[in-house]
Amino acid sequence: MNFKTLTTRDLLISLAAGLIVVTSGASAAPPDMLLQSANVSGSGNTLNVTRVPVRDSTGKITYKDIELSFDVSNTGVVTLGAGSPVVTTSPSLNVAAFRAGIYKDSLNRHVQVSGPSVLAGGRTGWTMNWIAPGAGAYFNATWATGAVTGHPNGTTLTAFGITTTTYSWGVIGSNNGFLANWFAAYVFGAAQLGDVLTLHYFHNDPAENAAWVFTRCPAGNLC
């Protein structure tokens, strides 16, 4: 398919034409895609649209990953590349029992756990931020599920000698006023059992240095 200019509208039309096949006859609902709920990223001449909800005529939703490659002519004309788009079934998300919400530790310090965000390869990402109490205190950490190989923090994990998949691994972003010796840019492993979330802290090597336990508050409120 050749066209002189490629706008966002043209791209969406091309996606719809190439990916949605409407069968003849009556159906309970028109099949469609919910592109507004997808994750979009791009690099060079390639656009990746991941976790696209695709709804069939029965209302069933499956998730697809779509890769579009583009060619640019010597005169700047943009066209879809050969074999594009490529559509595959999205990997099942690895949530690892984590639950979003407000948590507190044994000293009644509260943090907000947010997620999941969808990462490559079926991983999910999670964040923890301090919310109360203590003026001037702050804490931030992020972690991702899945294997060490290909992990978003793979370089840091390798530097710490981390190889096990016992935990979902992350890195402390900032810390002031919470725990001494839990330093920014250091590694921790997160694990959740029911409403109990534990961060296992590692200091320079693969030997665990400390653990920090949180309990999830009911109804999303401070407790």
N, C-alpha and C. Protein backbone atom coordinates (compact mmCIF):
# COMPACT_ATOMS: atom_id res chain seq x y z
N MET A 1 0.85 -1.18 0.00
CA MET A 1 0.00 0.00 0.00
C MET A 1 0.89 1.23 0.00
N ASN A 2 0.72 2.12 -0.95
CA ASN A 2 1.49 3.35 -1.02
C ASN A 2 0.60 4.55 -0.77
N PHE A 3 1.13 5.51 -0.02
CA PHE A 3 0.40 6.76 0.14
C PHE A 3 1.41 7.86 0.33
N LYS A 4 1.02 9.06 -0.06
CA LYS A 4 2.00 10.15 -0.15
C LYS A 4 2.43 10.64 1.23
N THR A 5 1.51 10.75 2.16
CA THR A 5 1.86 11.17 3.51
C THR A 5 1.20 10.22 4.49
N LEU A 6 1.83 10.08 5.65
CA LEU A 6 1.30 9.17 6.66
C LEU A 6 0.96 9.96 7.91
N THR A 7 -0.32 10.09 8.22
CA THR A 7 -0.76 10.78 9.41
C THR A 7 -1.25 9.75 10.41
N THR A 8 -1.54 10.22 11.64
CA THR A 8 -2.08 9.31 12.65
C THR A 8 -3.38 8.68 12.17
N ARG A 9 -4.21 9.47 11.50
CA ARG A 9 -5.48 8.94 10.98
C ARG A 9 -5.22 7.86 9.95
N ASP A 10 -4.25 8.11 9.04
CA ASP A 10 -3.93 7.10 8.03
C ASP A 10 -3.45 5.81 8.68
N LEU A 11 -2.65 5.94 9.73
CA LEU A 11 -2.12 4.76 10.41
C LEU A 11 -3.24 3.94 11.02
N LEU A 12 -4.18 4.61 11.69
CA LEU A 12 -5.28 3.88 12.31
C LEU A 12 -6.15 3.21 11.25
N ILE A 13 -6.38 3.89 10.14
CA ILE A 13 -7.16 3.29 9.06
C ILE A 13 -6.46 2.06 8.51
N SER A 14 -5.14 2.15 8.33
CA SER A 14 -4.38 1.02 7.82
C SER A 14 -4.44 -0.16 8.78
N LEU A 15 -4.33 0.13 10.09
CA LEU A 15 -4.45 -0.92 11.08
C LEU A 15 -5.80 -1.61 11.02
N ALA A 16 -6.83 -0.79 10.97
CA ALA A 16 -8.17 -1.35 10.95
C ALA A 16 -8.39 -2.21 9.71
N ALA A 17 -7.94 -1.72 8.56
CA ALA A 17 -8.13 -2.45 7.31
C ALA A 17 -7.34 -3.75 7.29
N GLY A 18 -6.17 -3.72 7.87
CA GLY A 18 -5.31 -4.90 7.80
C GLY A 18 -5.59 -5.93 8.86
N LEU A 19 -6.24 -5.53 9.97
CA LEU A 19 -6.35 -6.44 11.09
C LEU A 19 -7.77 -6.89 11.41
N ILE A 20 -8.75 -6.11 11.03
CA ILE A 20 -10.12 -6.46 11.40
C ILE A 20 -10.84 -7.07 10.19
N VAL A 21 -11.30 -8.29 10.35
CA VAL A 21 -12.06 -8.95 9.30
C VAL A 21 -13.47 -9.16 9.81
N VAL A 22 -14.41 -8.54 9.16
CA VAL A 22 -15.81 -8.65 9.56
C VAL A 22 -16.49 -9.71 8.70
N THR A 23 -16.98 -10.76 9.33
CA THR A 23 -17.63 -11.83 8.59
C THR A 23 -19.05 -11.42 8.24
N SER A 24 -19.56 -12.04 7.18
CA SER A 24 -20.93 -11.73 6.76
C SER A 24 -21.92 -12.37 7.71
N GLY A 25 -23.12 -11.88 7.70
CA GLY A 25 -24.16 -12.42 8.55
C GLY A 25 -24.30 -11.62 9.83
N ALA A 26 -25.36 -11.91 10.55
CA ALA A 26 -25.64 -11.18 11.77
C ALA A 26 -24.66 -11.58 12.87
N SER A 27 -24.33 -10.66 13.75
CA SER A 27 -23.47 -10.94 14.88
C SER A 27 -23.98 -10.19 16.09
N ALA A 28 -23.58 -10.67 17.27
CA ALA A 28 -24.06 -10.06 18.51
C ALA A 28 -23.50 -8.65 18.66
N ALA A 29 -22.30 -8.42 18.20
CA ALA A 29 -21.68 -7.10 18.29
C ALA A 29 -20.59 -7.02 17.24
N PRO A 30 -20.37 -5.85 16.69
CA PRO A 30 -19.31 -5.75 15.68
C PRO A 30 -17.94 -5.96 16.31
N PRO A 31 -17.12 -6.81 15.74
CA PRO A 31 -15.76 -6.99 16.28
C PRO A 31 -14.97 -5.71 16.14
N ASP A 32 -14.12 -5.45 17.11
CA ASP A 32 -13.34 -4.22 17.05
C ASP A 32 -12.08 -4.36 17.88
N MET A 33 -11.24 -3.30 17.83
CA MET A 33 -10.04 -3.21 18.65
C MET A 33 -10.14 -1.98 19.53
N LEU A 34 -9.56 -2.06 20.72
CA LEU A 34 -9.58 -0.94 21.66
C LEU A 34 -8.17 -0.37 21.74
N LEU A 35 -7.78 0.32 20.66
CA LEU A 35 -6.42 0.83 20.56
C LEU A 35 -6.08 1.83 21.66
N GLN A 36 -7.10 2.50 22.19
CA GLN A 36 -6.84 3.49 23.24
C GLN A 36 -6.31 2.84 24.51
N SER A 37 -6.49 1.54 24.65
CA SER A 37 -6.03 0.83 25.85
C SER A 37 -4.69 0.14 25.65
N ALA A 38 -4.09 0.29 24.47
CA ALA A 38 -2.85 -0.39 24.16
C ALA A 38 -1.64 0.43 24.61
N ASN A 39 -0.48 -0.21 24.58
CA ASN A 39 0.78 0.45 24.88
C ASN A 39 1.54 0.66 23.58
N VAL A 40 1.97 1.88 23.33
CA VAL A 40 2.62 2.22 22.06
C VAL A 40 4.06 2.63 22.31
N SER A 41 4.97 2.07 21.54
CA SER A 41 6.38 2.46 21.61
C SER A 41 6.95 2.38 20.21
N GLY A 42 8.02 3.10 19.97
CA GLY A 42 8.61 3.10 18.64
C GLY A 42 10.11 3.24 18.70
N SER A 43 10.77 2.73 17.67
CA SER A 43 12.21 2.87 17.54
C SER A 43 12.56 2.82 16.06
N GLY A 44 13.26 3.86 15.58
CA GLY A 44 13.63 3.89 14.17
C GLY A 44 12.40 3.84 13.28
N ASN A 45 12.36 2.88 12.39
CA ASN A 45 11.25 2.74 11.45
C ASN A 45 10.19 1.75 11.92
N THR A 46 10.25 1.36 13.20
CA THR A 46 9.33 0.34 13.70
C THR A 46 8.46 0.90 14.81
N LEU A 47 7.17 0.60 14.71
CA LEU A 47 6.20 0.98 15.73
C LEU A 47 5.64 -0.28 16.35
N ASN A 48 5.66 -0.38 17.68
CA ASN A 48 5.11 -1.53 18.39
C ASN A 48 3.90 -1.10 19.20
N VAL A 49 2.80 -1.80 18.99
CA VAL A 49 1.56 -1.57 19.72
C VAL A 49 1.26 -2.86 20.46
N THR A 50 1.45 -2.86 21.79
CA THR A 50 1.34 -4.10 22.56
C THR A 50 0.09 -4.10 23.44
N ARG A 51 -0.34 -5.31 23.76
CA ARG A 51 -1.52 -5.53 24.59
C ARG A 51 -2.73 -4.80 24.02
N VAL A 52 -2.99 -5.00 22.73
CA VAL A 52 -4.16 -4.41 22.09
C VAL A 52 -5.37 -5.31 22.38
N PRO A 53 -6.39 -4.82 23.09
CA PRO A 53 -7.59 -5.63 23.29
C PRO A 53 -8.35 -5.78 21.96
N VAL A 54 -8.58 -7.02 21.56
CA VAL A 54 -9.33 -7.32 20.33
C VAL A 54 -10.60 -8.06 20.74
N ARG A 55 -11.74 -7.50 20.39
CA ARG A 55 -13.03 -8.06 20.81
C ARG A 55 -13.70 -8.70 19.61
N ASP A 56 -14.09 -9.98 19.77
CA ASP A 56 -14.77 -10.65 18.67
C ASP A 56 -16.28 -10.42 18.76
N SER A 57 -17.05 -11.05 17.86
CA SER A 57 -18.48 -10.78 17.77
C SER A 57 -19.25 -11.31 18.98
N THR A 58 -18.63 -12.20 19.78
CA THR A 58 -19.31 -12.71 20.98
C THR A 58 -18.99 -11.85 22.21
N GLY A 59 -18.11 -10.87 22.04
CA GLY A 59 -17.71 -10.04 23.16
C GLY A 59 -16.43 -10.51 23.85
N LYS A 60 -15.89 -11.64 23.43
CA LYS A 60 -14.67 -12.16 24.03
C LYS A 60 -13.48 -11.28 23.63
N ILE A 61 -12.62 -10.98 24.60
CA ILE A 61 -11.46 -10.13 24.35
C ILE A 61 -10.18 -10.95 24.46
N THR A 62 -9.34 -10.85 23.45
CA THR A 62 -8.00 -11.38 23.49
C THR A 62 -7.02 -10.23 23.28
N TYR A 63 -5.76 -10.47 23.57
CA TYR A 63 -4.77 -9.40 23.48
C TYR A 63 -3.73 -9.72 22.42
N LYS A 64 -3.43 -8.72 21.60
CA LYS A 64 -2.51 -8.90 20.48
C LYS A 64 -1.38 -7.87 20.56
N ASP A 65 -0.21 -8.30 20.10
CA ASP A 65 0.92 -7.38 19.90
C ASP A 65 1.07 -7.15 18.41
N ILE A 66 1.21 -5.90 18.02
CA ILE A 66 1.27 -5.53 16.60
C ILE A 66 2.57 -4.79 16.33
N GLU A 67 3.30 -5.26 15.37
CA GLU A 67 4.54 -4.59 14.96
C GLU A 67 4.37 -4.08 13.54
N LEU A 68 4.60 -2.79 13.36
CA LEU A 68 4.52 -2.18 12.04
C LEU A 68 5.89 -1.63 11.67
N SER A 69 6.37 -2.00 10.51
CA SER A 69 7.63 -1.45 10.00
C SER A 69 7.31 -0.56 8.80
N PHE A 70 8.11 0.47 8.61
CA PHE A 70 7.85 1.44 7.55
C PHE A 70 9.11 1.63 6.69
N ASP A 71 8.88 1.92 5.43
CA ASP A 71 9.96 2.26 4.51
C ASP A 71 9.85 3.74 4.15
N VAL A 72 10.99 4.37 3.99
CA VAL A 72 11.03 5.78 3.60
C VAL A 72 11.83 5.89 2.30
N SER A 73 11.19 6.45 1.27
CA SER A 73 11.85 6.57 -0.03
C SER A 73 12.86 7.72 -0.02
N ASN A 74 13.63 7.82 -1.09
CA ASN A 74 14.61 8.89 -1.22
C ASN A 74 13.98 10.27 -1.19
N THR A 75 12.71 10.33 -1.55
CA THR A 75 12.01 11.62 -1.57
C THR A 75 11.16 11.83 -0.31
N GLY A 76 11.30 10.92 0.68
CA GLY A 76 10.60 11.09 1.94
C GLY A 76 9.21 10.52 2.00
N VAL A 77 8.82 9.72 0.99
CA VAL A 77 7.50 9.09 1.01
C VAL A 77 7.53 7.90 1.96
N VAL A 78 6.57 7.83 2.86
CA VAL A 78 6.50 6.76 3.87
C VAL A 78 5.49 5.72 3.43
N THR A 79 5.91 4.44 3.46
CA THR A 79 5.01 3.33 3.13
C THR A 79 5.18 2.23 4.16
N LEU A 80 4.15 1.40 4.28
CA LEU A 80 4.27 0.23 5.14
C LEU A 80 5.28 -0.72 4.55
N GLY A 81 6.15 -1.30 5.40
CA GLY A 81 7.16 -2.23 4.95
C GLY A 81 6.56 -3.55 4.53
N ALA A 82 7.33 -4.31 3.79
CA ALA A 82 6.89 -5.63 3.35
C ALA A 82 6.59 -6.52 4.55
N GLY A 83 5.45 -7.21 4.50
CA GLY A 83 5.07 -8.11 5.58
C GLY A 83 4.50 -7.43 6.80
N SER A 84 4.32 -6.12 6.73
CA SER A 84 3.79 -5.37 7.86
C SER A 84 2.30 -5.12 7.68
N PRO A 85 1.50 -5.24 8.73
CA PRO A 85 1.87 -5.46 10.13
C PRO A 85 2.06 -6.94 10.46
N VAL A 86 2.80 -7.20 11.55
CA VAL A 86 2.95 -8.55 12.11
C VAL A 86 2.16 -8.60 13.41
N VAL A 87 1.22 -9.53 13.51
CA VAL A 87 0.34 -9.62 14.67
C VAL A 87 0.59 -10.94 15.39
N THR A 88 0.86 -10.87 16.68
CA THR A 88 1.05 -12.07 17.49
C THR A 88 0.21 -11.96 18.76
N THR A 89 -0.06 -13.09 19.38
CA THR A 89 -0.80 -13.10 20.64
C THR A 89 0.10 -12.60 21.76
N SER A 90 -0.40 -11.69 22.56
CA SER A 90 0.39 -11.14 23.67
C SER A 90 0.70 -12.22 24.69
N PRO A 91 1.91 -12.21 25.25
CA PRO A 91 2.22 -13.17 26.32
C PRO A 91 1.32 -12.94 27.52
N SER A 92 1.07 -14.01 28.27
CA SER A 92 0.30 -13.86 29.50
C SER A 92 1.08 -13.00 30.48
N LEU A 93 0.38 -12.12 31.17
CA LEU A 93 1.05 -11.22 32.11
C LEU A 93 1.49 -11.97 33.37
N ASN A 94 2.68 -11.64 33.83
CA ASN A 94 3.24 -12.21 35.05
C ASN A 94 3.03 -11.20 36.17
N VAL A 95 2.02 -11.42 36.99
CA VAL A 95 1.69 -10.49 38.07
C VAL A 95 2.37 -10.89 39.38
N ALA A 96 2.66 -12.19 39.55
CA ALA A 96 3.39 -12.71 40.71
C ALA A 96 2.71 -12.36 42.04
N ALA A 97 1.39 -12.32 42.06
CA ALA A 97 0.57 -12.13 43.28
C ALA A 97 0.61 -10.71 43.83
N PHE A 98 1.30 -9.78 43.16
CA PHE A 98 1.34 -8.41 43.67
C PHE A 98 -0.04 -7.76 43.52
N ARG A 99 -0.34 -6.88 44.47
CA ARG A 99 -1.63 -6.20 44.47
C ARG A 99 -1.41 -4.71 44.74
N ALA A 100 -2.04 -3.89 43.93
CA ALA A 100 -1.97 -2.45 44.15
C ALA A 100 -2.74 -2.08 45.41
N GLY A 101 -2.37 -0.96 46.01
CA GLY A 101 -3.09 -0.49 47.19
C GLY A 101 -2.19 0.27 48.14
N ILE A 102 -2.74 0.60 49.30
CA ILE A 102 -2.00 1.27 50.36
C ILE A 102 -1.53 0.22 51.36
N TYR A 103 -0.25 0.30 51.73
CA TYR A 103 0.35 -0.65 52.66
C TYR A 103 0.97 0.11 53.83
N LYS A 104 1.12 -0.57 54.97
CA LYS A 104 1.83 0.02 56.11
C LYS A 104 2.83 -0.98 56.65
N ASP A 105 3.90 -0.44 57.28
CA ASP A 105 4.88 -1.30 57.92
C ASP A 105 4.61 -1.36 59.42
N SER A 106 5.51 -1.99 60.19
CA SER A 106 5.29 -2.18 61.61
C SER A 106 5.33 -0.88 62.41
N LEU A 107 5.86 0.19 61.80
CA LEU A 107 5.91 1.50 62.45
C LEU A 107 4.79 2.42 61.95
N ASN A 108 3.80 1.83 61.27
CA ASN A 108 2.65 2.58 60.76
C ASN A 108 3.02 3.62 59.71
N ARG A 109 4.10 3.38 58.99
CA ARG A 109 4.46 4.22 57.85
C ARG A 109 3.77 3.65 56.62
N HIS A 110 3.16 4.53 55.84
CA HIS A 110 2.32 4.09 54.73
C HIS A 110 2.96 4.37 53.38
N VAL A 111 2.77 3.44 52.48
CA VAL A 111 3.26 3.58 51.10
C VAL A 111 2.13 3.21 50.15
N GLN A 112 2.22 3.74 48.95
CA GLN A 112 1.26 3.42 47.88
C GLN A 112 1.95 2.51 46.88
N VAL A 113 1.38 1.34 46.63
CA VAL A 113 1.88 0.43 45.60
C VAL A 113 0.97 0.56 44.39
N SER A 114 1.56 0.84 43.25
CA SER A 114 0.81 1.03 42.01
C SER A 114 1.25 0.03 40.96
N GLY A 115 0.30 -0.41 40.15
CA GLY A 115 0.59 -1.35 39.08
C GLY A 115 -0.65 -2.18 38.79
N PRO A 116 -0.56 -3.09 37.84
CA PRO A 116 0.65 -3.35 37.05
C PRO A 116 0.74 -2.47 35.81
N SER A 117 1.96 -2.09 35.45
CA SER A 117 2.23 -1.56 34.12
C SER A 117 2.73 -2.71 33.26
N VAL A 118 2.43 -2.67 31.99
CA VAL A 118 2.77 -3.77 31.10
C VAL A 118 4.15 -3.54 30.50
N LEU A 119 5.05 -4.50 30.69
CA LEU A 119 6.40 -4.42 30.16
C LEU A 119 6.59 -5.50 29.09
N ALA A 120 7.70 -5.45 28.42
CA ALA A 120 7.97 -6.42 27.34
C ALA A 120 8.05 -7.83 27.88
N GLY A 121 7.66 -8.80 27.03
CA GLY A 121 7.79 -10.20 27.38
C GLY A 121 6.81 -10.70 28.42
N GLY A 122 5.71 -9.98 28.62
CA GLY A 122 4.72 -10.42 29.60
C GLY A 122 5.04 -10.02 31.03
N ARG A 123 6.13 -9.28 31.23
CA ARG A 123 6.45 -8.79 32.57
C ARG A 123 5.47 -7.70 32.99
N THR A 124 5.33 -7.52 34.30
CA THR A 124 4.60 -6.37 34.80
C THR A 124 5.52 -5.54 35.69
N GLY A 125 5.29 -4.24 35.71
CA GLY A 125 6.08 -3.34 36.52
C GLY A 125 5.25 -2.78 37.66
N TRP A 126 5.90 -2.53 38.80
CA TRP A 126 5.24 -2.04 40.00
C TRP A 126 6.06 -0.90 40.61
N THR A 127 5.38 0.02 41.27
CA THR A 127 6.06 1.12 41.94
C THR A 127 5.57 1.25 43.37
N MET A 128 6.46 1.71 44.24
CA MET A 128 6.11 1.99 45.63
C MET A 128 6.55 3.41 45.96
N ASN A 129 5.64 4.19 46.55
CA ASN A 129 5.94 5.56 46.94
C ASN A 129 5.43 5.83 48.36
N TRP A 130 6.25 6.55 49.15
CA TRP A 130 5.84 6.97 50.48
C TRP A 130 4.65 7.93 50.38
N ILE A 131 3.69 7.80 51.33
CA ILE A 131 2.57 8.75 51.34
C ILE A 131 2.35 9.38 52.71
N ALA A 132 2.65 8.68 53.82
CA ALA A 132 2.41 9.28 55.15
C ALA A 132 2.98 8.35 56.23
N PRO A 133 3.30 8.91 57.42
CA PRO A 133 3.39 10.32 57.80
C PRO A 133 4.83 10.80 57.71
N GLY A 134 5.12 12.01 58.19
CA GLY A 134 6.48 12.48 58.26
C GLY A 134 6.82 13.51 57.22
N ALA A 135 6.80 14.78 57.59
CA ALA A 135 7.12 15.86 56.65
C ALA A 135 8.57 15.73 56.19
N GLY A 136 8.77 15.81 54.90
CA GLY A 136 10.11 15.75 54.34
C GLY A 136 10.62 14.36 54.04
N ALA A 137 9.93 13.33 54.52
CA ALA A 137 10.35 11.96 54.25
C ALA A 137 9.88 11.54 52.87
N TYR A 138 10.64 10.67 52.23
CA TYR A 138 10.21 10.14 50.94
C TYR A 138 10.89 8.80 50.70
N PHE A 139 10.23 7.99 49.90
CA PHE A 139 10.77 6.70 49.49
C PHE A 139 10.13 6.33 48.16
N ASN A 140 10.95 5.82 47.26
CA ASN A 140 10.45 5.39 45.96
C ASN A 140 11.23 4.16 45.52
N ALA A 141 10.52 3.19 44.97
CA ALA A 141 11.17 1.99 44.45
C ALA A 141 10.33 1.41 43.33
N THR A 142 10.97 0.74 42.40
CA THR A 142 10.26 0.07 41.31
C THR A 142 10.80 -1.34 41.17
N TRP A 143 9.94 -2.24 40.71
CA TRP A 143 10.39 -3.61 40.44
C TRP A 143 9.60 -4.19 39.28
N ALA A 144 10.12 -5.28 38.74
CA ALA A 144 9.49 -5.94 37.59
C ALA A 144 9.51 -7.44 37.79
N THR A 145 8.48 -8.08 37.33
CA THR A 145 8.39 -9.53 37.44
C THR A 145 9.22 -10.20 36.35
N GLY A 146 9.41 -11.50 36.49
CA GLY A 146 10.06 -12.26 35.43
C GLY A 146 11.52 -12.59 35.71
N ALA A 147 12.12 -13.30 34.76
CA ALA A 147 13.48 -13.81 34.91
C ALA A 147 14.51 -12.69 34.95
N VAL A 148 15.68 -13.01 35.49
CA VAL A 148 16.78 -12.05 35.52
C VAL A 148 17.25 -11.73 34.10
N THR A 149 17.32 -12.77 33.26
CA THR A 149 17.71 -12.56 31.87
C THR A 149 16.66 -11.69 31.16
N GLY A 150 17.10 -10.59 30.59
CA GLY A 150 16.19 -9.68 29.92
C GLY A 150 15.46 -8.73 30.84
N HIS A 151 15.80 -8.73 32.13
CA HIS A 151 15.14 -7.86 33.11
C HIS A 151 15.46 -6.40 32.80
N PRO A 152 14.51 -5.48 33.02
CA PRO A 152 14.78 -4.06 32.78
C PRO A 152 15.97 -3.53 33.58
N ASN A 153 16.25 -4.13 34.74
CA ASN A 153 17.39 -3.74 35.56
C ASN A 153 18.51 -4.79 35.48
N GLY A 154 18.59 -5.46 34.34
CA GLY A 154 19.52 -6.56 34.18
C GLY A 154 20.97 -6.20 34.45
N THR A 155 21.40 -5.03 34.01
CA THR A 155 22.79 -4.61 34.21
C THR A 155 23.12 -4.48 35.69
N THR A 156 22.21 -3.87 36.46
CA THR A 156 22.43 -3.72 37.90
C THR A 156 22.39 -5.07 38.60
N LEU A 157 21.46 -5.93 38.21
CA LEU A 157 21.37 -7.25 38.84
C LEU A 157 22.64 -8.04 38.61
N THR A 158 23.17 -7.98 37.40
CA THR A 158 24.41 -8.68 37.10
C THR A 158 25.56 -8.15 37.94
N ALA A 159 25.62 -6.83 38.11
CA ALA A 159 26.68 -6.22 38.91
C ALA A 159 26.61 -6.67 40.36
N PHE A 160 25.41 -6.95 40.86
CA PHE A 160 25.23 -7.41 42.23
C PHE A 160 25.37 -8.93 42.35
N GLY A 161 25.53 -9.62 41.22
CA GLY A 161 25.65 -11.08 41.24
C GLY A 161 24.33 -11.79 41.42
N ILE A 162 23.22 -11.12 41.11
CA ILE A 162 21.90 -11.71 41.27
C ILE A 162 21.59 -12.63 40.10
N THR A 163 21.22 -13.88 40.40
CA THR A 163 20.86 -14.83 39.36
C THR A 163 19.55 -15.55 39.65
N THR A 164 19.11 -15.57 40.90
CA THR A 164 17.95 -16.34 41.29
C THR A 164 16.65 -15.68 40.85
N THR A 165 15.62 -16.47 40.64
CA THR A 165 14.29 -15.95 40.32
C THR A 165 13.35 -16.08 41.51
N THR A 166 13.93 -16.20 42.71
CA THR A 166 13.10 -16.33 43.92
C THR A 166 12.19 -15.13 44.09
N TYR A 167 12.70 -13.94 43.73
CA TYR A 167 11.96 -12.70 43.90
C TYR A 167 11.73 -12.01 42.55
N SER A 168 10.85 -11.00 42.58
CA SER A 168 10.75 -10.06 41.47
C SER A 168 11.67 -8.90 41.81
N TRP A 169 12.60 -8.62 40.92
CA TRP A 169 13.71 -7.73 41.28
C TRP A 169 13.43 -6.27 40.93
N GLY A 170 14.01 -5.40 41.77
CA GLY A 170 13.86 -3.98 41.54
C GLY A 170 15.03 -3.20 42.08
N VAL A 171 14.94 -1.88 41.95
CA VAL A 171 15.99 -0.97 42.38
C VAL A 171 15.36 0.17 43.16
N ILE A 172 15.99 0.55 44.26
CA ILE A 172 15.51 1.67 45.06
C ILE A 172 15.79 2.97 44.31
N GLY A 173 14.77 3.79 44.18
CA GLY A 173 14.94 5.06 43.49
C GLY A 173 15.43 6.15 44.41
N SER A 174 14.82 6.28 45.59
CA SER A 174 15.21 7.31 46.56
C SER A 174 14.74 6.89 47.94
N ASN A 175 15.43 7.38 48.97
CA ASN A 175 15.07 7.03 50.34
C ASN A 175 15.55 8.12 51.28
N ASN A 176 14.63 8.68 52.05
CA ASN A 176 14.99 9.67 53.07
C ASN A 176 13.97 9.61 54.19
N GLY A 177 14.40 9.14 55.35
CA GLY A 177 13.51 9.13 56.50
C GLY A 177 12.83 7.81 56.75
N PHE A 178 13.16 6.77 55.97
CA PHE A 178 12.53 5.48 56.21
C PHE A 178 13.50 4.52 56.91
N LEU A 179 14.31 3.84 56.16
CA LEU A 179 15.25 2.88 56.75
C LEU A 179 16.68 3.30 56.46
N ALA A 180 17.52 3.25 57.48
CA ALA A 180 18.94 3.53 57.27
C ALA A 180 19.55 2.41 56.45
N ASN A 181 20.53 2.79 55.64
CA ASN A 181 21.32 1.83 54.84
C ASN A 181 20.55 1.19 53.69
N TRP A 182 19.36 1.65 53.40
CA TRP A 182 18.67 1.23 52.17
C TRP A 182 18.95 2.34 51.15
N PHE A 183 19.99 2.14 50.37
CA PHE A 183 20.50 3.21 49.53
C PHE A 183 19.89 3.22 48.14
N ALA A 184 19.76 4.42 47.57
CA ALA A 184 19.28 4.57 46.20
C ALA A 184 20.19 3.81 45.25
N ALA A 185 19.58 3.20 44.22
CA ALA A 185 20.25 2.45 43.16
C ALA A 185 20.70 1.06 43.62
N TYR A 186 20.36 0.68 44.85
CA TYR A 186 20.68 -0.68 45.30
C TYR A 186 19.50 -1.61 45.04
N VAL A 187 19.79 -2.90 45.07
CA VAL A 187 18.85 -3.92 44.59
C VAL A 187 17.99 -4.46 45.73
N PHE A 188 16.75 -4.77 45.41
CA PHE A 188 15.89 -5.51 46.34
C PHE A 188 15.06 -6.52 45.55
N GLY A 189 14.60 -7.54 46.27
CA GLY A 189 13.68 -8.51 45.70
C GLY A 189 12.33 -8.39 46.37
N ALA A 190 11.27 -8.31 45.59
CA ALA A 190 9.91 -8.17 46.13
C ALA A 190 9.17 -9.50 46.04
N ALA A 191 8.40 -9.79 47.07
CA ALA A 191 7.58 -11.00 47.08
C ALA A 191 6.30 -10.70 47.84
N GLN A 192 5.20 -11.29 47.39
CA GLN A 192 3.92 -11.05 48.05
C GLN A 192 3.21 -12.36 48.32
N LEU A 193 2.65 -12.46 49.54
CA LEU A 193 1.82 -13.60 49.93
C LEU A 193 0.55 -13.03 50.55
N GLY A 194 -0.56 -13.15 49.83
CA GLY A 194 -1.80 -12.56 50.31
C GLY A 194 -1.68 -11.06 50.41
N ASP A 195 -1.93 -10.51 51.61
CA ASP A 195 -1.85 -9.06 51.82
C ASP A 195 -0.48 -8.62 52.34
N VAL A 196 0.46 -9.53 52.42
CA VAL A 196 1.78 -9.21 52.97
C VAL A 196 2.79 -9.07 51.84
N LEU A 197 3.40 -7.89 51.74
CA LEU A 197 4.42 -7.60 50.74
C LEU A 197 5.75 -7.42 51.47
N THR A 198 6.78 -8.13 51.01
CA THR A 198 8.11 -8.06 51.64
C THR A 198 9.15 -7.63 50.61
N LEU A 199 9.95 -6.63 50.98
CA LEU A 199 11.09 -6.21 50.18
C LEU A 199 12.35 -6.77 50.83
N HIS A 200 13.15 -7.51 50.07
CA HIS A 200 14.39 -8.12 50.56
C HIS A 200 15.55 -7.32 49.98
N TYR A 201 16.32 -6.69 50.85
CA TYR A 201 17.36 -5.74 50.43
C TYR A 201 18.72 -6.42 50.30
N PHE A 202 19.43 -6.08 49.21
CA PHE A 202 20.75 -6.64 48.94
C PHE A 202 21.75 -5.49 48.83
N HIS A 203 22.87 -5.65 49.54
CA HIS A 203 23.85 -4.57 49.64
C HIS A 203 25.17 -5.01 49.01
N ASN A 204 25.33 -4.71 47.74
CA ASN A 204 26.59 -4.95 47.02
C ASN A 204 26.84 -6.40 46.58
N ASP A 205 26.12 -7.35 47.10
CA ASP A 205 26.38 -8.75 46.75
C ASP A 205 25.08 -9.54 46.83
N PRO A 206 25.10 -10.83 46.42
CA PRO A 206 23.86 -11.61 46.39
C PRO A 206 23.40 -12.14 47.74
N ALA A 207 24.01 -11.69 48.84
CA ALA A 207 23.57 -12.09 50.17
C ALA A 207 22.57 -11.08 50.71
N GLU A 208 21.39 -11.55 51.15
CA GLU A 208 20.37 -10.64 51.64
C GLU A 208 20.85 -9.92 52.89
N ASN A 209 20.60 -8.60 52.91
CA ASN A 209 21.07 -7.77 54.01
C ASN A 209 19.98 -7.44 55.02
N ALA A 210 18.76 -7.27 54.53
CA ALA A 210 17.65 -6.90 55.42
C ALA A 210 16.33 -7.14 54.70
N ALA A 211 15.24 -7.11 55.47
CA ALA A 211 13.90 -7.28 54.90
C ALA A 211 12.97 -6.23 55.49
N TRP A 212 12.02 -5.80 54.70
CA TRP A 212 11.05 -4.78 55.10
C TRP A 212 9.66 -5.31 54.75
N VAL A 213 8.80 -5.45 55.77
CA VAL A 213 7.50 -6.10 55.60
C VAL A 213 6.39 -5.07 55.67
N PHE A 214 5.47 -5.16 54.72
CA PHE A 214 4.30 -4.29 54.66
C PHE A 214 3.03 -5.14 54.64
N THR A 215 1.96 -4.59 55.19
CA THR A 215 0.65 -5.24 55.15
C THR A 215 -0.33 -4.32 54.44
N ARG A 216 -1.10 -4.90 53.54
CA ARG A 216 -2.03 -4.12 52.73
C ARG A 216 -3.22 -3.66 53.57
N CYS A 217 -3.56 -2.37 53.46
CA CYS A 217 -4.70 -1.81 54.17
C CYS A 217 -6.00 -2.15 53.44
N PRO A 218 -7.07 -2.40 54.16
CA PRO A 218 -8.35 -2.71 53.50
C PRO A 218 -8.97 -1.46 52.89
N ALA A 219 -9.72 -1.67 51.85
CA ALA A 219 -10.55 -0.61 51.24
C ALA A 219 -9.75 0.56 50.72
N GLY A 220 -8.45 0.38 50.51
CA GLY A 220 -7.65 1.43 49.90
C GLY A 220 -7.47 2.66 50.75
N ASN A 221 -7.62 2.53 52.09
CA ASN A 221 -7.48 3.68 52.99
C ASN A 221 -6.27 3.50 53.90
N LEU A 222 -5.84 4.59 54.54
CA LEU A 222 -4.82 4.49 55.57
C LEU A 222 -5.35 3.63 56.71
N CYS A 223 -4.48 2.84 57.31
CA CYS A 223 -4.95 1.93 58.37
C CYS A 223 -3.95 1.90 59.52
